[in-house]
Protein backbone atom coordinates (compact mmCIF):
# COMPACT_ATOMS: atom_id res chain seq x y z
CA UNK A 1 121.80 -24.07 79.03
CA UNK A 2 121.23 -26.27 75.94
CA UNK A 3 119.24 -24.77 73.09
CA UNK A 4 116.00 -26.63 72.41
CA UNK A 5 115.12 -26.72 68.73
CA UNK A 6 111.61 -27.06 67.32
CA UNK A 7 110.78 -27.97 63.74
CA UNK A 8 109.96 -24.97 61.55
CA UNK A 9 106.25 -24.30 61.21
CA UNK A 10 103.77 -21.48 60.78
CA UNK A 11 101.23 -23.28 62.98
CA UNK A 12 102.54 -23.16 66.54
CA UNK A 13 100.38 -24.70 69.30
CA UNK A 14 100.59 -22.75 72.53
CA UNK A 15 102.12 -25.59 74.54
CA UNK A 16 105.22 -25.61 72.35
CA UNK A 17 106.46 -22.54 74.21
CA UNK A 18 104.43 -22.35 77.41
CA UNK A 19 104.99 -25.36 79.64
CA UNK A 20 102.27 -27.98 79.28
CA UNK A 21 101.05 -27.64 82.86
CA UNK A 22 100.84 -23.85 82.61
CA UNK A 23 99.05 -24.06 79.27
CA UNK A 24 96.32 -26.45 80.27
CA UNK A 25 95.81 -24.97 83.75
CA UNK A 26 95.32 -21.44 82.42
CA UNK A 27 92.99 -22.62 79.65
CA UNK A 28 91.05 -24.74 82.18
CA UNK A 29 90.81 -21.70 84.45
CA UNK A 30 89.28 -19.60 81.66
CA UNK A 31 86.81 -22.34 80.71
CA UNK A 32 85.68 -22.51 84.31
CA UNK A 33 85.09 -18.75 84.36
CA UNK A 34 83.12 -18.81 81.14
CA UNK A 35 80.75 -21.47 82.41
CA UNK A 36 79.67 -25.05 81.96
CA UNK A 37 77.01 -24.22 79.36
CA UNK A 38 79.58 -23.22 76.75
CA UNK A 39 82.41 -25.54 77.71
CA UNK A 40 82.07 -27.41 74.43
CA UNK A 41 82.56 -24.19 72.47
CA UNK A 42 85.58 -23.27 74.58
CA UNK A 43 87.12 -26.66 73.95
CA UNK A 44 86.69 -26.22 70.21
CA UNK A 45 88.30 -22.79 70.33
CA UNK A 46 91.26 -23.92 72.37
CA UNK A 47 91.95 -26.92 70.15
CA UNK A 48 91.77 -24.67 67.09
CA UNK A 49 94.51 -22.28 68.23
CA UNK A 50 97.09 -24.35 66.37
CA UNK A 51 95.17 -24.35 63.08
CA UNK A 52 97.35 -23.43 60.13
CA UNK A 53 97.29 -20.00 58.48
CA UNK A 54 99.35 -18.96 55.49
CA UNK A 55 102.73 -17.33 55.89
CA UNK A 56 101.69 -14.87 53.18
CA UNK A 57 98.80 -13.62 55.32
CA UNK A 58 101.14 -13.22 58.29
CA UNK A 59 103.61 -11.25 56.18
CA UNK A 60 100.77 -9.02 55.02
CA UNK A 61 99.75 -8.32 58.62
CA UNK A 62 103.32 -7.15 59.31
CA UNK A 63 103.79 -5.22 56.05
CA UNK A 64 102.83 -1.83 57.46
CA UNK A 65 103.93 1.77 56.77
CA UNK A 66 107.36 2.63 58.07
CA UNK A 67 107.60 5.24 60.81
CA UNK A 68 109.81 8.17 59.84
CA UNK A 69 111.72 10.57 62.01
CA UNK A 70 112.02 8.58 65.23
CA UNK A 71 115.25 8.55 67.22
CA UNK A 72 116.91 5.56 68.85
CA UNK A 73 117.09 6.15 72.59
CA UNK A 74 120.75 5.36 73.45
CA UNK A 75 119.85 4.37 77.00
CA UNK A 76 117.65 1.57 75.69
CA UNK A 77 119.40 0.69 72.45
CA UNK A 78 120.60 -2.79 73.41
CA UNK A 79 120.02 -5.60 75.86
CA UNK A 80 122.10 -8.69 76.55
CA UNK A 81 119.73 -10.90 74.54
CA UNK A 82 118.83 -10.96 70.82
CA UNK A 83 115.71 -9.30 69.46
CA UNK A 84 113.00 -11.82 68.65
CA UNK A 85 112.36 -12.87 65.06
CA UNK A 86 109.61 -10.57 63.75
CA UNK A 87 107.58 -13.40 62.24
CA UNK A 88 107.64 -15.33 65.51
CA UNK A 89 106.54 -12.27 67.48
CA UNK A 90 103.81 -11.62 64.92
CA UNK A 91 102.22 -15.04 65.30
CA UNK A 92 102.70 -15.65 69.03
CA UNK A 93 100.45 -13.31 71.00
CA UNK A 94 97.85 -13.02 73.71
CA UNK A 95 94.81 -10.96 72.74
CA UNK A 96 91.84 -12.30 74.68
CA UNK A 97 89.29 -10.08 72.96
CA UNK A 98 89.84 -12.28 69.90
CA UNK A 99 90.26 -15.68 71.53
CA UNK A 100 91.98 -17.75 74.17
CA UNK A 101 94.92 -19.22 72.24
CA UNK A 102 98.29 -17.87 71.19
CA UNK A 103 97.72 -18.12 67.45
CA UNK A 104 95.15 -15.32 67.29
CA UNK A 105 97.03 -12.99 64.94
CA UNK A 106 94.68 -13.69 62.03
CA UNK A 107 91.53 -13.08 64.09
CA UNK A 108 93.04 -9.81 65.36
CA UNK A 109 93.09 -8.42 61.81
CA UNK A 110 89.38 -7.62 62.31
CA UNK A 111 90.38 -4.84 64.70
CA UNK A 112 89.27 -1.49 63.19
CA UNK A 113 92.09 1.04 63.64
CA UNK A 114 91.20 3.90 61.30
CA UNK A 115 89.94 6.30 62.54
CA UNK A 116 91.21 5.95 66.11
CA UNK A 117 90.85 8.26 69.09
CA UNK A 118 92.22 8.17 72.63
CA UNK A 119 90.26 10.09 75.26
CA UNK A 120 92.29 11.45 78.19
CA UNK A 121 90.06 12.54 81.05
CA UNK A 122 89.44 12.48 84.78
CA UNK A 123 91.42 14.49 87.31
CA UNK A 124 93.44 16.56 84.83
CA UNK A 125 93.64 20.26 84.00
CA UNK A 126 93.79 19.70 80.25
CA UNK A 127 91.46 16.87 79.22
CA UNK A 128 91.76 16.06 75.54
CA UNK A 129 90.84 13.55 72.89
CA UNK A 130 93.72 12.70 70.57
CA UNK A 131 93.53 10.90 67.28
CA UNK A 132 96.43 8.60 66.56
CA UNK A 133 98.09 11.06 64.17
CA UNK A 134 97.87 13.77 66.86
CA UNK A 135 99.74 11.53 69.28
CA UNK A 136 102.49 10.77 66.76
CA UNK A 137 102.92 14.47 65.95
CA UNK A 138 102.56 15.88 69.46
CA UNK A 139 105.03 13.59 71.22
CA UNK A 140 108.49 12.94 69.71
CA UNK A 141 108.87 9.28 68.85
CA UNK A 142 111.81 7.11 69.83
CA UNK A 143 112.81 3.47 69.62
CA UNK A 144 113.44 1.49 72.79
CA UNK A 145 114.59 -2.11 72.92
CA UNK A 146 113.01 -3.75 75.95
CA UNK A 147 112.79 -7.19 77.45
CA UNK A 148 109.23 -8.55 77.54
CA UNK A 149 108.22 -11.08 80.20
CA UNK A 150 104.85 -12.90 80.21
CA UNK A 151 103.29 -14.20 83.41
CA UNK A 152 103.11 -17.56 81.60
CA UNK A 153 106.92 -17.75 82.05
CA UNK A 154 108.10 -17.02 78.50
CA UNK A 155 110.00 -13.96 77.33
CA UNK A 156 111.41 -12.14 74.31
CA UNK A 157 113.08 -8.84 73.35
CA UNK A 158 111.20 -6.30 71.21
CA UNK A 159 112.15 -2.97 69.54
CA UNK A 160 109.21 -0.69 70.31
CA UNK A 161 108.64 2.77 68.82
CA UNK A 162 106.63 5.29 70.81
CA UNK A 163 106.92 7.91 73.53
CA UNK A 164 107.31 7.96 77.32
CA UNK A 165 104.11 8.04 79.32
CA UNK A 166 105.41 10.92 81.39
CA UNK A 167 105.17 13.13 78.28
CA UNK A 168 101.40 12.64 78.28
CA UNK A 169 101.26 13.34 82.01
CA UNK A 170 103.02 16.67 81.44
CA UNK A 171 100.62 17.58 78.63
CA UNK A 172 97.37 16.94 80.52
CA UNK A 173 98.59 18.10 83.98
CA UNK A 174 96.93 15.81 86.56
CA UNK A 175 95.55 17.52 89.64
CA UNK A 176 96.97 16.83 93.10
CA UNK A 177 94.09 14.43 93.80
CA UNK A 178 95.03 12.08 90.92
CA UNK A 179 96.69 9.01 92.42
CA UNK A 180 95.95 6.29 89.84
CA UNK A 181 95.42 5.91 86.11
CA UNK A 182 93.05 3.53 84.33
CA UNK A 183 93.67 2.41 80.72
CA UNK A 184 90.77 0.97 78.71
CA UNK A 185 91.11 -1.13 75.57
CA UNK A 186 88.86 -1.19 72.53
CA UNK A 187 85.91 -3.54 72.88
CA UNK A 188 83.01 -4.23 70.54
CA UNK A 189 81.19 -7.54 71.12
CA UNK A 190 80.28 -7.68 67.43
CA UNK A 191 83.95 -7.57 66.43
CA UNK A 192 86.05 -8.85 69.31
CA UNK A 193 84.92 -12.43 69.71
CA UNK A 194 86.57 -15.79 69.23
CA UNK A 195 85.18 -18.33 66.77
CA UNK A 196 81.96 -19.86 68.04
CA UNK A 197 82.26 -18.33 71.49
CA UNK A 198 81.80 -14.95 73.12
CA UNK A 199 83.62 -14.26 76.38
CA UNK A 200 80.71 -12.18 77.61
CA UNK A 201 80.95 -13.41 81.21
CA UNK A 202 84.36 -11.83 81.67
CA UNK A 203 84.88 -8.20 82.83
CA UNK A 204 85.04 -6.48 79.44
CA UNK A 205 86.31 -4.08 78.32
CA UNK A 206 89.91 -4.94 79.18
CA UNK A 207 91.25 -2.40 81.66
CA UNK A 208 94.58 -1.96 83.36
CA UNK A 209 95.86 0.45 85.96
CA UNK A 210 98.95 2.08 87.41
CA UNK A 211 99.82 4.31 90.30
CA UNK A 212 100.59 7.72 88.86
CA UNK A 213 104.20 7.38 90.08
CA UNK A 214 104.55 4.21 88.00
CA UNK A 215 103.17 5.92 84.92
CA UNK A 216 105.65 8.78 85.44
CA UNK A 217 108.64 6.42 85.61
CA UNK A 218 111.02 6.84 82.68
CA UNK A 219 110.57 3.22 81.58
CA UNK A 220 106.78 3.48 81.15
CA UNK A 221 106.08 3.74 77.44
CA UNK A 222 103.27 4.04 74.90
CA UNK A 223 104.12 2.05 71.77
CA UNK A 224 102.75 3.04 68.37
CA UNK A 225 105.24 1.02 66.33
CA UNK A 226 107.40 -2.07 66.28
CA UNK A 227 110.31 -3.23 64.10
CA UNK A 228 110.45 0.20 62.44
CA UNK A 229 106.84 0.32 61.25
CA UNK A 230 103.33 0.94 62.57
CA UNK A 231 102.16 -1.37 65.32
CA UNK A 232 100.53 -4.54 63.92
CA UNK A 233 97.01 -5.29 65.06
CA UNK A 234 97.99 -8.46 66.89
CA UNK A 235 100.40 -6.40 69.01
CA UNK A 236 97.71 -3.93 70.08
CA UNK A 237 97.49 -1.37 67.28
CA UNK A 238 97.48 1.51 67.06
CA UNK A 239 98.69 2.24 70.63
CA UNK A 240 99.46 0.04 73.61
CA UNK A 241 101.17 0.16 77.00
CA UNK A 242 104.72 -1.19 77.43
CA UNK A 243 105.94 -1.68 81.01
CA UNK A 244 109.08 -3.81 80.83
CA UNK A 245 109.43 -4.41 84.58
CA UNK A 246 105.91 -5.85 84.85
CA UNK A 247 104.32 -9.00 83.48
CA UNK A 248 102.93 -8.56 80.00
CA UNK A 249 99.24 -8.64 80.93
CA UNK A 250 99.71 -5.18 82.48
CA UNK A 251 100.34 -3.79 78.98
CA UNK A 252 96.82 -3.03 77.77
CA UNK A 253 96.46 -3.12 73.98
CA UNK A 254 94.47 -0.92 71.57
CA UNK A 255 93.87 1.84 74.12
CA UNK A 256 90.83 4.09 73.69
CA UNK A 257 90.64 5.80 77.08
CA UNK A 258 93.05 7.00 79.78
CA UNK A 259 91.51 8.25 83.04
CA UNK A 260 93.26 9.87 86.00
CA UNK A 261 91.57 8.79 89.23
CA UNK A 262 91.70 9.28 92.98
CA UNK A 263 91.14 5.60 93.83
CA UNK A 264 92.73 2.37 92.62
CA UNK A 265 90.71 1.10 89.65
CA UNK A 266 89.52 -2.43 89.06
CA UNK A 267 91.51 -4.18 86.32
CA UNK A 268 90.71 -7.14 84.08
CA UNK A 269 92.87 -9.98 85.39
CA UNK A 270 92.91 -8.68 88.97
CA UNK A 271 89.09 -8.75 88.93
CA UNK A 272 89.06 -12.30 87.59
CA UNK A 273 91.45 -13.61 90.27
CA UNK A 274 93.37 -11.21 92.49
CA UNK A 275 95.27 -14.11 94.07
CA UNK A 276 96.83 -15.08 90.74
CA UNK A 277 97.10 -11.64 89.10
CA UNK A 278 97.90 -8.85 91.53
CA UNK A 279 97.50 -5.17 90.74
CA UNK A 280 101.22 -4.37 90.64
CA UNK A 281 102.28 -7.57 88.82
CA UNK A 282 106.01 -6.77 88.94
CA UNK A 283 108.30 -9.49 87.59
CA UNK A 284 109.53 -11.35 90.68
CA UNK A 285 111.38 -14.69 90.44
CA UNK A 286 110.98 -15.32 94.15
CA UNK A 287 107.19 -14.97 94.07
CA UNK A 288 105.71 -17.96 92.23
CA UNK A 289 102.42 -17.84 90.44
CA UNK A 290 100.05 -20.06 92.47
CA UNK A 291 100.21 -22.72 89.73
CA UNK A 292 103.78 -22.46 88.42
CA UNK A 293 107.23 -21.12 89.21
CA UNK A 294 108.50 -17.75 87.99
CA UNK A 295 112.15 -18.54 88.81
CA UNK A 296 113.00 -19.34 85.18
CA UNK A 297 111.57 -18.44 81.79
CA UNK A 298 111.59 -19.75 78.22
CA UNK A 299 113.38 -17.05 76.24
CA UNK A 300 112.31 -16.88 72.58
CA UNK A 301 115.13 -15.56 70.44
CA UNK A 302 115.78 -14.57 66.84
CA UNK A 303 115.31 -17.91 65.10
CA UNK A 304 112.26 -18.29 62.83
CA UNK A 305 111.48 -21.76 64.20
CA UNK A 306 110.50 -20.52 67.68
CA UNK A 307 113.49 -22.01 69.47
CA UNK A 308 114.01 -21.02 73.07
CA UNK A 309 116.50 -21.14 75.91
CA UNK A 310 115.80 -21.57 79.60
CA UNK A 311 117.00 -18.47 81.48
CA UNK A 312 116.80 -17.31 85.06
CA UNK A 313 114.19 -14.65 85.66
CA UNK A 314 115.60 -11.33 86.83
CA UNK A 315 113.92 -9.21 89.54
CA UNK A 316 111.87 -6.49 87.85
CA UNK A 317 112.86 -8.22 84.58
CA UNK A 318 116.33 -6.70 84.93
CA UNK A 319 115.13 -3.10 85.37
CA UNK A 320 115.47 -2.80 89.14
CA UNK A 321 117.80 0.21 88.95
CA UNK A 322 114.96 2.20 87.36
CA UNK A 323 111.95 1.04 89.37
CA UNK A 324 112.90 -0.64 92.67
CA UNK A 325 112.56 2.65 94.54
CA UNK A 326 108.86 2.74 93.61
CA UNK A 327 108.27 -0.30 95.83
CA UNK A 328 110.65 0.34 98.73
């Protein structure tokens, strides 16, 4: 496929990577959810997502302490695509607590990450509250290079640092009645709000969920770092979910609570529209989103100008050998 080049810039409007129809339909969908009374504010926010911010500020957001002592997992040391440019990944994110556009990295710097605790509770024998340093010391850290696929039909490759979710399962020992797990993200309406608008009508805090068998799969990962250093705030610091066979919205950011449950929990996007965002949300090229195809994706590579290539989407994002048996 031909490589599409885009002029270098630190101010990237969302529709330069997401197709124009996907971009405006998803933004229109959110505005409709928020309500007619604040549509003007939503329009201002969405038009502002391409507003320029300095490259120096972006570099500062990525200039974080290096993580020492982690091992590279040889099973996930390479993929057949290049790792994304770190600056591109740092300025091209979804983080709806801070706004509805891609260019929310600067707003996300308001996220308070120190101190940070993660409560693990519910149907477990060993409930515990960890602080972030506890997690890094308790569970051996490793680097895994994974494909990342967004439901908006763009993708990239990222080198995460963290630990497998099954290690946490073994530590807290779920009871036999635990069938699902709910993950809750940080939310404070005084901090997590976009400029001039508060998404109060939506089902905050952001929650996601897995079947316990999915969480126990060897691919399921908690990330605490990226590109060799602590996780930047725009990527969901200080700890987030990484599930490479699922669409990216399943990867809850800035986790504060993990609960083991008997029943399937409600989740953020599934609550908003279960027809468009199903609970499993596995990458599936043959199952189109109701408003766009998932058969191909715009792959963002290692160029600093946010160039992309059109690639065919792989079932389970190319990880079928690890997870297909979960859905037989």
